[in-house]
Amino acid sequence: MVDTTNFNGKGMIATSAATARIRGIHESEALHVVERFRRTDANTISYEVTVDDPNVYSAPWKVSMPLTRDAKYLIYEYACHEGNYAMGDILRAGRAKDPEAK
């Protein structure tokens, strides 16, 4: 179980920051997220998350889905800043729009 509190109210639920295509619902500082991982068999983990933010939602809500092992799927180490060439591109594009940069 992962129990997360102490949010700062600046984030959003269900946001894809990488693509900027999905805009989420703003959170408040009262947000409380509980994630549960349960092995249901040798190849499946049940993932369940409960989102409770009384300042945003009228009641807590829950999402669950199975995480199934796939022997062909490879997981690689991920660090969002290492080898992130998109960040430089984004900053250059932003500067190109900046009148002072011209």
N, C-alpha and C. Protein backbone atom coordinates (compact mmCIF):
# COMPACT_ATOMS: atom_id res chain seq x y z
N MET A 1 0.84 -1.18 0.00
CA MET A 1 0.00 0.00 0.00
C MET A 1 0.88 1.24 0.00
N VAL A 2 0.50 2.21 -0.81
CA VAL A 2 1.17 3.51 -0.85
C VAL A 2 0.13 4.55 -0.49
N ASP A 3 0.35 5.25 0.60
CA ASP A 3 -0.59 6.25 1.12
C ASP A 3 0.07 7.62 0.98
N THR A 4 -0.49 8.48 0.12
CA THR A 4 0.15 9.75 -0.18
C THR A 4 -0.73 10.92 0.23
N THR A 5 -0.14 11.84 0.98
CA THR A 5 -0.81 13.08 1.39
C THR A 5 0.19 14.23 1.21
N ASN A 6 -0.14 15.38 1.75
CA ASN A 6 0.73 16.57 1.71
C ASN A 6 0.92 17.09 0.29
N PHE A 7 -0.12 17.06 -0.51
CA PHE A 7 -0.08 17.66 -1.84
C PHE A 7 -0.09 19.18 -1.69
N ASN A 8 0.42 19.89 -2.70
CA ASN A 8 0.50 21.34 -2.59
C ASN A 8 -0.62 22.08 -3.32
N GLY A 9 -1.52 21.34 -3.97
CA GLY A 9 -2.64 21.97 -4.66
C GLY A 9 -2.27 22.57 -6.01
N LYS A 10 -1.04 22.32 -6.49
CA LYS A 10 -0.62 22.89 -7.78
C LYS A 10 -0.68 21.88 -8.92
N GLY A 11 -0.95 20.63 -8.61
CA GLY A 11 -0.97 19.60 -9.64
C GLY A 11 -2.36 19.31 -10.14
N MET A 12 -2.44 18.28 -10.98
CA MET A 12 -3.72 17.85 -11.52
C MET A 12 -3.79 16.34 -11.55
N ILE A 13 -4.99 15.81 -11.43
CA ILE A 13 -5.24 14.38 -11.57
C ILE A 13 -5.48 14.11 -13.05
N ALA A 14 -4.97 12.99 -13.56
CA ALA A 14 -5.18 12.56 -14.94
C ALA A 14 -4.63 13.56 -15.94
N THR A 15 -3.37 13.91 -15.77
CA THR A 15 -2.72 14.84 -16.67
C THR A 15 -1.58 14.14 -17.38
N SER A 16 -1.46 14.39 -18.67
CA SER A 16 -0.31 13.91 -19.42
C SER A 16 0.58 15.11 -19.71
N ALA A 17 1.48 15.41 -18.79
CA ALA A 17 2.36 16.56 -18.95
C ALA A 17 3.28 16.40 -20.14
N ALA A 18 3.64 15.17 -20.46
CA ALA A 18 4.56 14.93 -21.57
C ALA A 18 3.96 15.31 -22.91
N THR A 19 2.68 15.08 -23.10
CA THR A 19 2.07 15.38 -24.38
C THR A 19 1.22 16.64 -24.35
N ALA A 20 0.85 17.08 -23.18
CA ALA A 20 -0.01 18.26 -22.99
C ALA A 20 -1.35 18.10 -23.67
N ARG A 21 -1.73 16.87 -23.99
CA ARG A 21 -3.01 16.64 -24.65
C ARG A 21 -4.13 16.40 -23.65
N ILE A 22 -3.81 15.92 -22.48
CA ILE A 22 -4.83 15.63 -21.49
C ILE A 22 -4.71 16.63 -20.37
N ARG A 23 -5.74 17.38 -20.14
CA ARG A 23 -5.75 18.33 -19.04
C ARG A 23 -6.59 17.73 -17.92
N GLY A 24 -6.03 17.69 -16.77
CA GLY A 24 -6.71 17.05 -15.65
C GLY A 24 -7.55 18.01 -14.84
N ILE A 25 -7.99 17.52 -13.71
CA ILE A 25 -8.76 18.30 -12.77
C ILE A 25 -7.80 18.72 -11.66
N HIS A 26 -7.79 19.99 -11.35
CA HIS A 26 -6.87 20.48 -10.32
C HIS A 26 -7.13 19.80 -8.99
N GLU A 27 -6.07 19.59 -8.26
CA GLU A 27 -6.16 19.01 -6.92
C GLU A 27 -6.15 20.14 -5.90
N SER A 28 -6.51 19.81 -4.68
CA SER A 28 -6.36 20.76 -3.58
C SER A 28 -5.33 20.19 -2.61
N GLU A 29 -5.02 20.96 -1.61
CA GLU A 29 -4.07 20.50 -0.60
C GLU A 29 -4.65 19.36 0.25
N ALA A 30 -5.95 19.13 0.14
CA ALA A 30 -6.60 18.07 0.91
C ALA A 30 -6.55 16.71 0.22
N LEU A 31 -5.96 16.65 -0.98
CA LEU A 31 -5.92 15.40 -1.73
C LEU A 31 -5.26 14.29 -0.92
N HIS A 32 -5.87 13.11 -0.97
CA HIS A 32 -5.36 11.91 -0.31
C HIS A 32 -5.49 10.76 -1.30
N VAL A 33 -4.36 10.14 -1.64
CA VAL A 33 -4.35 9.05 -2.62
C VAL A 33 -3.83 7.79 -1.94
N VAL A 34 -4.58 6.71 -2.08
CA VAL A 34 -4.16 5.41 -1.54
C VAL A 34 -4.08 4.42 -2.70
N GLU A 35 -2.90 3.85 -2.92
CA GLU A 35 -2.70 2.85 -3.97
C GLU A 35 -2.46 1.50 -3.32
N ARG A 36 -3.08 0.47 -3.88
CA ARG A 36 -2.91 -0.89 -3.37
C ARG A 36 -2.47 -1.81 -4.50
N PHE A 37 -1.46 -2.60 -4.21
CA PHE A 37 -0.94 -3.58 -5.15
C PHE A 37 -1.11 -4.95 -4.52
N ARG A 38 -1.85 -5.83 -5.19
CA ARG A 38 -2.07 -7.19 -4.65
C ARG A 38 -1.76 -8.21 -5.73
N ARG A 39 -0.93 -9.17 -5.41
CA ARG A 39 -0.66 -10.26 -6.36
C ARG A 39 -1.85 -11.20 -6.31
N THR A 40 -2.49 -11.38 -7.47
CA THR A 40 -3.66 -12.26 -7.52
C THR A 40 -3.32 -13.65 -8.04
N ASP A 41 -2.23 -13.73 -8.82
CA ASP A 41 -1.70 -15.02 -9.25
C ASP A 41 -0.25 -14.80 -9.68
N ALA A 42 0.39 -15.81 -10.20
CA ALA A 42 1.81 -15.73 -10.54
C ALA A 42 2.11 -14.68 -11.60
N ASN A 43 1.12 -14.32 -12.41
CA ASN A 43 1.34 -13.39 -13.51
C ASN A 43 0.53 -12.11 -13.45
N THR A 44 -0.17 -11.87 -12.36
CA THR A 44 -1.06 -10.71 -12.30
C THR A 44 -0.96 -10.00 -10.96
N ILE A 45 -0.90 -8.68 -11.04
CA ILE A 45 -1.00 -7.82 -9.86
C ILE A 45 -2.25 -6.96 -10.05
N SER A 46 -3.08 -6.93 -9.04
CA SER A 46 -4.25 -6.05 -9.06
C SER A 46 -3.82 -4.70 -8.53
N TYR A 47 -4.02 -3.65 -9.35
CA TYR A 47 -3.69 -2.28 -8.94
C TYR A 47 -4.99 -1.54 -8.70
N GLU A 48 -5.08 -0.88 -7.55
CA GLU A 48 -6.28 -0.15 -7.18
C GLU A 48 -5.86 1.17 -6.56
N VAL A 49 -6.47 2.25 -6.99
CA VAL A 49 -6.17 3.56 -6.41
C VAL A 49 -7.47 4.23 -5.99
N THR A 50 -7.45 4.80 -4.81
CA THR A 50 -8.58 5.57 -4.30
C THR A 50 -8.15 7.02 -4.18
N VAL A 51 -8.92 7.91 -4.80
CA VAL A 51 -8.63 9.35 -4.79
C VAL A 51 -9.70 10.03 -3.94
N ASP A 52 -9.24 10.75 -2.93
CA ASP A 52 -10.16 11.47 -2.05
C ASP A 52 -9.69 12.91 -1.93
N ASP A 53 -10.47 13.83 -2.41
CA ASP A 53 -10.18 15.25 -2.29
C ASP A 53 -11.51 15.97 -2.04
N PRO A 54 -11.89 16.12 -0.77
CA PRO A 54 -13.21 16.68 -0.45
C PRO A 54 -13.40 18.12 -0.92
N ASN A 55 -12.32 18.81 -1.26
CA ASN A 55 -12.45 20.17 -1.78
C ASN A 55 -12.75 20.19 -3.28
N VAL A 56 -12.62 19.03 -3.94
CA VAL A 56 -12.82 18.96 -5.39
C VAL A 56 -13.96 18.02 -5.77
N TYR A 57 -14.04 16.86 -5.11
CA TYR A 57 -15.02 15.83 -5.46
C TYR A 57 -16.06 15.69 -4.37
N SER A 58 -17.26 15.30 -4.75
CA SER A 58 -18.34 15.12 -3.77
C SER A 58 -18.17 13.83 -2.96
N ALA A 59 -17.36 12.91 -3.48
CA ALA A 59 -17.10 11.64 -2.77
C ALA A 59 -15.79 11.06 -3.30
N PRO A 60 -15.13 10.22 -2.52
CA PRO A 60 -13.93 9.55 -3.03
C PRO A 60 -14.27 8.69 -4.23
N TRP A 61 -13.30 8.48 -5.12
CA TRP A 61 -13.51 7.61 -6.28
C TRP A 61 -12.34 6.66 -6.42
N LYS A 62 -12.61 5.57 -7.11
CA LYS A 62 -11.65 4.47 -7.17
C LYS A 62 -11.48 3.99 -8.62
N VAL A 63 -10.26 3.59 -8.94
CA VAL A 63 -9.93 2.98 -10.23
C VAL A 63 -9.15 1.71 -9.93
N SER A 64 -9.44 0.66 -10.69
CA SER A 64 -8.66 -0.58 -10.52
C SER A 64 -8.43 -1.21 -11.88
N MET A 65 -7.29 -1.90 -12.00
CA MET A 65 -6.98 -2.60 -13.24
C MET A 65 -5.94 -3.67 -12.95
N PRO A 66 -5.95 -4.72 -13.75
CA PRO A 66 -4.92 -5.76 -13.58
C PRO A 66 -3.64 -5.35 -14.29
N LEU A 67 -2.52 -5.65 -13.68
CA LEU A 67 -1.21 -5.49 -14.32
C LEU A 67 -0.72 -6.90 -14.60
N THR A 68 -0.64 -7.24 -15.88
CA THR A 68 -0.35 -8.62 -16.28
C THR A 68 1.08 -8.74 -16.79
N ARG A 69 1.76 -9.79 -16.35
CA ARG A 69 3.12 -10.05 -16.79
C ARG A 69 3.13 -10.40 -18.27
N ASP A 70 4.09 -9.82 -18.99
CA ASP A 70 4.30 -10.13 -20.40
C ASP A 70 5.78 -10.44 -20.55
N ALA A 71 6.11 -11.68 -20.78
CA ALA A 71 7.50 -12.12 -20.84
C ALA A 71 8.29 -11.40 -21.94
N LYS A 72 7.62 -10.90 -22.96
CA LYS A 72 8.30 -10.22 -24.06
C LYS A 72 8.54 -8.74 -23.78
N TYR A 73 7.89 -8.22 -22.76
CA TYR A 73 7.99 -6.79 -22.45
C TYR A 73 9.24 -6.54 -21.62
N LEU A 74 10.03 -5.55 -22.03
CA LEU A 74 11.24 -5.20 -21.31
C LEU A 74 11.05 -3.86 -20.62
N ILE A 75 11.49 -3.77 -19.38
CA ILE A 75 11.43 -2.52 -18.64
C ILE A 75 12.85 -1.98 -18.56
N TYR A 76 13.01 -0.74 -18.96
CA TYR A 76 14.32 -0.08 -18.90
C TYR A 76 14.31 0.97 -17.81
N GLU A 77 15.48 1.24 -17.28
CA GLU A 77 15.59 2.29 -16.28
C GLU A 77 15.14 3.60 -16.89
N TYR A 78 14.43 4.40 -16.14
CA TYR A 78 13.89 5.65 -16.65
C TYR A 78 14.26 6.78 -15.71
N ALA A 79 14.78 7.83 -16.26
CA ALA A 79 15.01 9.07 -15.54
C ALA A 79 14.57 10.19 -16.47
N CYS A 80 13.65 10.99 -16.04
CA CYS A 80 13.03 11.96 -16.95
C CYS A 80 13.99 13.01 -17.45
N HIS A 81 15.10 13.23 -16.79
CA HIS A 81 16.02 14.28 -17.21
C HIS A 81 17.19 13.75 -18.03
N GLU A 82 17.50 12.47 -17.94
CA GLU A 82 18.64 11.92 -18.66
C GLU A 82 18.24 11.59 -20.10
N GLY A 83 18.96 12.16 -21.03
CA GLY A 83 18.66 11.91 -22.44
C GLY A 83 17.35 12.51 -22.89
N ASN A 84 16.85 13.50 -22.16
CA ASN A 84 15.58 14.11 -22.50
C ASN A 84 15.84 15.24 -23.51
N TYR A 85 15.94 14.87 -24.77
CA TYR A 85 16.20 15.84 -25.82
C TYR A 85 15.00 16.74 -26.04
N ALA A 86 13.83 16.29 -25.70
CA ALA A 86 12.63 17.10 -25.89
C ALA A 86 12.71 18.37 -25.06
N MET A 87 13.31 18.30 -23.87
CA MET A 87 13.38 19.48 -23.01
C MET A 87 14.13 20.62 -23.70
N GLY A 88 15.27 20.32 -24.32
CA GLY A 88 16.01 21.34 -25.06
C GLY A 88 15.21 21.91 -26.20
N ASP A 89 14.50 21.04 -26.91
CA ASP A 89 13.66 21.49 -28.02
C ASP A 89 12.56 22.42 -27.54
N ILE A 90 11.95 22.05 -26.43
CA ILE A 90 10.88 22.88 -25.87
C ILE A 90 11.41 24.25 -25.47
N LEU A 91 12.58 24.27 -24.82
CA LEU A 91 13.14 25.54 -24.39
C LEU A 91 13.55 26.40 -25.59
N ARG A 92 14.13 25.79 -26.63
CA ARG A 92 14.50 26.54 -27.82
C ARG A 92 13.26 27.12 -28.51
N ALA A 93 12.20 26.34 -28.59
CA ALA A 93 10.96 26.83 -29.21
C ALA A 93 10.39 27.98 -28.42
N GLY A 94 10.45 27.89 -27.10
CA GLY A 94 9.96 28.97 -26.26
C GLY A 94 10.76 30.24 -26.46
N ARG A 95 12.09 30.10 -26.57
CA ARG A 95 12.95 31.26 -26.80
C ARG A 95 12.69 31.85 -28.19
N ALA A 96 12.41 31.02 -29.17
CA ALA A 96 12.13 31.52 -30.52
C ALA A 96 10.88 32.40 -30.53
N LYS A 97 9.95 32.10 -29.64
CA LYS A 97 8.73 32.91 -29.54
C LYS A 97 8.94 34.19 -28.74
N ASP A 98 10.01 34.22 -27.96
CA ASP A 98 10.32 35.36 -27.11
C ASP A 98 10.85 36.51 -27.97
N PRO A 99 10.18 37.66 -27.99
CA PRO A 99 10.62 38.77 -28.85
C PRO A 99 12.05 39.22 -28.55
N GLU A 100 12.49 39.08 -27.32
CA GLU A 100 13.84 39.52 -26.96
C GLU A 100 14.90 38.57 -27.54
N ALA A 101 14.52 37.36 -27.88
CA ALA A 101 15.47 36.38 -28.37
C ALA A 101 15.82 36.62 -29.84
N LYS A 102 15.05 37.44 -30.51
CA LYS A 102 15.26 37.70 -31.94
C LYS A 102 16.22 38.83 -32.16
